N, C-alpha and C. Protein backbone atom coordinates (compact mmCIF):
# COMPACT_ATOMS: atom_id res chain seq x y z
N MET A 1 15.28 22.72 -15.95
CA MET A 1 14.10 21.90 -16.08
C MET A 1 14.49 20.43 -15.89
N ALA A 2 13.86 19.75 -14.99
CA ALA A 2 14.15 18.35 -14.72
C ALA A 2 13.66 17.47 -15.87
N VAL A 3 14.39 16.39 -16.10
CA VAL A 3 13.99 15.40 -17.11
C VAL A 3 13.90 14.04 -16.43
N ARG A 4 13.05 13.19 -16.98
CA ARG A 4 12.81 11.88 -16.39
C ARG A 4 12.79 10.83 -17.49
N CYS A 5 13.35 9.66 -17.19
CA CYS A 5 13.31 8.53 -18.11
C CYS A 5 11.86 8.10 -18.27
N ARG A 6 11.43 7.94 -19.50
CA ARG A 6 10.04 7.53 -19.76
C ARG A 6 9.75 6.12 -19.26
N ASN A 7 10.78 5.31 -19.11
CA ASN A 7 10.59 3.91 -18.77
C ASN A 7 10.78 3.61 -17.29
N CYS A 8 11.90 4.02 -16.71
CA CYS A 8 12.20 3.65 -15.33
C CYS A 8 11.89 4.76 -14.32
N GLY A 9 11.68 5.99 -14.81
CA GLY A 9 11.33 7.09 -13.92
C GLY A 9 12.51 7.81 -13.29
N ARG A 10 13.74 7.39 -13.59
CA ARG A 10 14.91 8.09 -13.04
C ARG A 10 14.87 9.54 -13.48
N GLU A 11 15.29 10.45 -12.58
CA GLU A 11 15.18 11.88 -12.85
C GLU A 11 16.53 12.58 -12.67
N TRP A 12 16.78 13.59 -13.51
CA TRP A 12 17.98 14.42 -13.46
C TRP A 12 17.56 15.88 -13.45
N PRO A 13 18.37 16.79 -12.86
CA PRO A 13 18.03 18.22 -12.83
C PRO A 13 17.91 18.81 -14.24
N ARG A 14 18.75 18.33 -15.17
CA ARG A 14 18.64 18.70 -16.58
C ARG A 14 19.13 17.52 -17.40
N ASP A 15 18.86 17.52 -18.67
CA ASP A 15 19.23 16.41 -19.53
C ASP A 15 20.74 16.16 -19.42
N PRO A 16 21.15 14.94 -19.07
CA PRO A 16 22.58 14.64 -18.95
C PRO A 16 23.36 14.89 -20.24
N ALA A 17 22.72 14.83 -21.38
CA ALA A 17 23.39 15.10 -22.65
C ALA A 17 23.88 16.54 -22.73
N LEU A 18 23.27 17.44 -21.97
CA LEU A 18 23.70 18.84 -21.96
C LEU A 18 25.02 19.05 -21.21
N GLU A 19 25.53 17.99 -20.59
CA GLU A 19 26.78 18.08 -19.83
C GLU A 19 28.01 17.88 -20.71
N VAL A 20 27.80 17.58 -22.00
CA VAL A 20 28.92 17.37 -22.94
C VAL A 20 28.71 18.21 -24.19
N VAL A 21 29.80 18.48 -24.90
CA VAL A 21 29.73 19.17 -26.19
C VAL A 21 29.10 18.21 -27.20
N CYS A 22 28.21 18.71 -28.05
CA CYS A 22 27.58 17.86 -29.06
C CYS A 22 28.59 17.54 -30.16
N PRO A 23 28.83 16.23 -30.43
CA PRO A 23 29.77 15.88 -31.49
C PRO A 23 29.21 16.12 -32.89
N THR A 24 27.92 16.33 -33.00
CA THR A 24 27.29 16.54 -34.31
C THR A 24 27.30 18.00 -34.72
N CYS A 25 26.78 18.88 -33.85
CA CYS A 25 26.65 20.30 -34.20
C CYS A 25 27.62 21.19 -33.43
N ARG A 26 28.39 20.60 -32.50
CA ARG A 26 29.38 21.31 -31.70
C ARG A 26 28.76 22.30 -30.70
N ALA A 27 27.49 22.12 -30.37
CA ALA A 27 26.87 22.97 -29.34
C ALA A 27 27.65 22.79 -28.04
N PRO A 28 27.95 23.87 -27.34
CA PRO A 28 28.74 23.75 -26.11
C PRO A 28 27.93 23.16 -24.96
N VAL A 29 28.62 22.80 -23.89
CA VAL A 29 27.98 22.29 -22.68
C VAL A 29 26.90 23.28 -22.24
N GLY A 30 25.73 22.74 -21.94
CA GLY A 30 24.61 23.55 -21.46
C GLY A 30 23.75 24.18 -22.53
N ALA A 31 24.23 24.19 -23.79
CA ALA A 31 23.47 24.80 -24.89
C ALA A 31 22.73 23.74 -25.68
N TRP A 32 21.55 24.08 -26.17
CA TRP A 32 20.75 23.16 -26.96
C TRP A 32 21.39 22.92 -28.32
N CYS A 33 21.15 21.78 -28.92
CA CYS A 33 21.68 21.47 -30.26
C CYS A 33 21.08 22.40 -31.31
N ARG A 34 21.83 22.58 -32.38
CA ARG A 34 21.43 23.48 -33.47
C ARG A 34 21.34 22.73 -34.79
N ARG A 35 20.43 23.19 -35.63
CA ARG A 35 20.32 22.69 -37.00
C ARG A 35 21.42 23.35 -37.83
N PRO A 36 21.71 22.83 -39.02
CA PRO A 36 22.71 23.47 -39.89
C PRO A 36 22.37 24.93 -40.20
N SER A 37 21.08 25.27 -40.16
CA SER A 37 20.65 26.65 -40.42
C SER A 37 20.95 27.57 -39.24
N GLY A 38 21.31 26.98 -38.09
CA GLY A 38 21.57 27.77 -36.89
C GLY A 38 20.39 27.83 -35.95
N HIS A 39 19.22 27.38 -36.39
CA HIS A 39 18.04 27.36 -35.53
C HIS A 39 18.15 26.22 -34.53
N ARG A 40 17.44 26.35 -33.42
CA ARG A 40 17.46 25.32 -32.39
C ARG A 40 16.85 24.03 -32.95
N ALA A 41 17.49 22.90 -32.67
CA ALA A 41 16.98 21.60 -33.08
C ALA A 41 15.79 21.21 -32.20
N MET A 42 14.92 20.37 -32.73
CA MET A 42 13.76 19.91 -31.96
C MET A 42 14.18 19.00 -30.81
N ASP A 43 15.21 18.20 -31.03
CA ASP A 43 15.72 17.27 -30.02
C ASP A 43 17.24 17.36 -29.98
N LEU A 44 17.81 16.85 -28.91
CA LEU A 44 19.26 16.74 -28.84
C LEU A 44 19.71 15.64 -29.79
N HIS A 45 20.87 15.79 -30.39
CA HIS A 45 21.37 14.78 -31.32
C HIS A 45 21.71 13.49 -30.58
N ALA A 46 21.47 12.35 -31.23
CA ALA A 46 21.71 11.03 -30.63
C ALA A 46 23.17 10.86 -30.24
N GLY A 47 24.07 11.42 -31.03
CA GLY A 47 25.50 11.32 -30.71
C GLY A 47 25.84 11.98 -29.39
N ARG A 48 25.05 12.96 -29.02
CA ARG A 48 25.28 13.64 -27.75
C ARG A 48 24.91 12.74 -26.58
N ASP A 49 23.84 11.96 -26.73
CA ASP A 49 23.49 10.98 -25.70
C ASP A 49 24.60 9.95 -25.55
N ARG A 50 25.14 9.49 -26.68
CA ARG A 50 26.23 8.51 -26.62
C ARG A 50 27.47 9.12 -25.96
N ALA A 51 27.76 10.38 -26.26
CA ALA A 51 28.91 11.06 -25.64
C ALA A 51 28.69 11.22 -24.14
N ALA A 52 27.45 11.51 -23.72
CA ALA A 52 27.15 11.63 -22.29
C ALA A 52 27.31 10.29 -21.59
N MET A 53 26.95 9.21 -22.28
CA MET A 53 27.16 7.88 -21.70
C MET A 53 28.65 7.58 -21.57
N ALA A 54 29.41 7.89 -22.60
CA ALA A 54 30.86 7.64 -22.58
C ALA A 54 31.55 8.45 -21.49
N ALA A 55 31.03 9.65 -21.20
CA ALA A 55 31.62 10.51 -20.18
C ALA A 55 31.11 10.19 -18.78
N GLY A 56 30.15 9.27 -18.66
CA GLY A 56 29.63 8.87 -17.36
C GLY A 56 28.49 9.71 -16.82
N PHE A 57 27.91 10.59 -17.63
CA PHE A 57 26.79 11.41 -17.17
C PHE A 57 25.45 10.72 -17.32
N LEU A 58 25.40 9.69 -18.14
CA LEU A 58 24.16 8.99 -18.44
C LEU A 58 24.46 7.50 -18.51
N GLU A 59 23.55 6.70 -17.96
CA GLU A 59 23.69 5.25 -18.01
C GLU A 59 22.52 4.67 -18.79
N PRO A 60 22.73 3.56 -19.50
CA PRO A 60 21.61 2.93 -20.19
C PRO A 60 20.53 2.53 -19.18
N CYS A 61 19.31 2.62 -19.59
CA CYS A 61 18.17 2.29 -18.73
C CYS A 61 18.05 0.77 -18.64
N ALA A 62 18.13 0.22 -17.44
CA ALA A 62 18.04 -1.23 -17.24
C ALA A 62 16.65 -1.76 -17.62
N TRP A 63 15.63 -0.94 -17.46
CA TRP A 63 14.26 -1.36 -17.74
C TRP A 63 14.08 -1.73 -19.20
N THR A 64 14.79 -1.05 -20.11
CA THR A 64 14.62 -1.27 -21.54
C THR A 64 15.77 -2.05 -22.15
N GLY A 65 16.62 -2.64 -21.34
CA GLY A 65 17.75 -3.36 -21.89
C GLY A 65 18.78 -2.44 -22.48
N GLY A 66 18.89 -1.22 -21.94
CA GLY A 66 19.90 -0.28 -22.40
C GLY A 66 19.43 0.71 -23.43
N GLN A 67 18.15 0.72 -23.74
CA GLN A 67 17.64 1.63 -24.78
C GLN A 67 16.73 2.68 -24.15
N GLY A 68 17.20 3.38 -23.14
CA GLY A 68 16.38 4.37 -22.44
C GLY A 68 16.08 5.59 -23.28
N SER A 69 15.03 6.31 -22.93
CA SER A 69 14.70 7.56 -23.59
C SER A 69 14.16 8.53 -22.55
N LEU A 70 14.45 9.81 -22.74
CA LEU A 70 14.05 10.83 -21.78
C LEU A 70 12.81 11.56 -22.25
N LEU A 71 12.07 12.10 -21.32
CA LEU A 71 10.92 12.96 -21.64
C LEU A 71 11.40 14.29 -22.12
């Protein structure tokens, strides 16, 4: 499922955060984040976005001064 930045419109085939292991819940690459109960989380953890940026899969949105958000 493609995702798009709410602000600048940039699009990716899937959320770039899914390209890294979640540092919060340890969800593997490609898997959705999990709650402590084991159920799927409503959103990906913020630390995962930061890890995707550090790994070069995601760049801050220039439109928002680096505070981009995805649909």
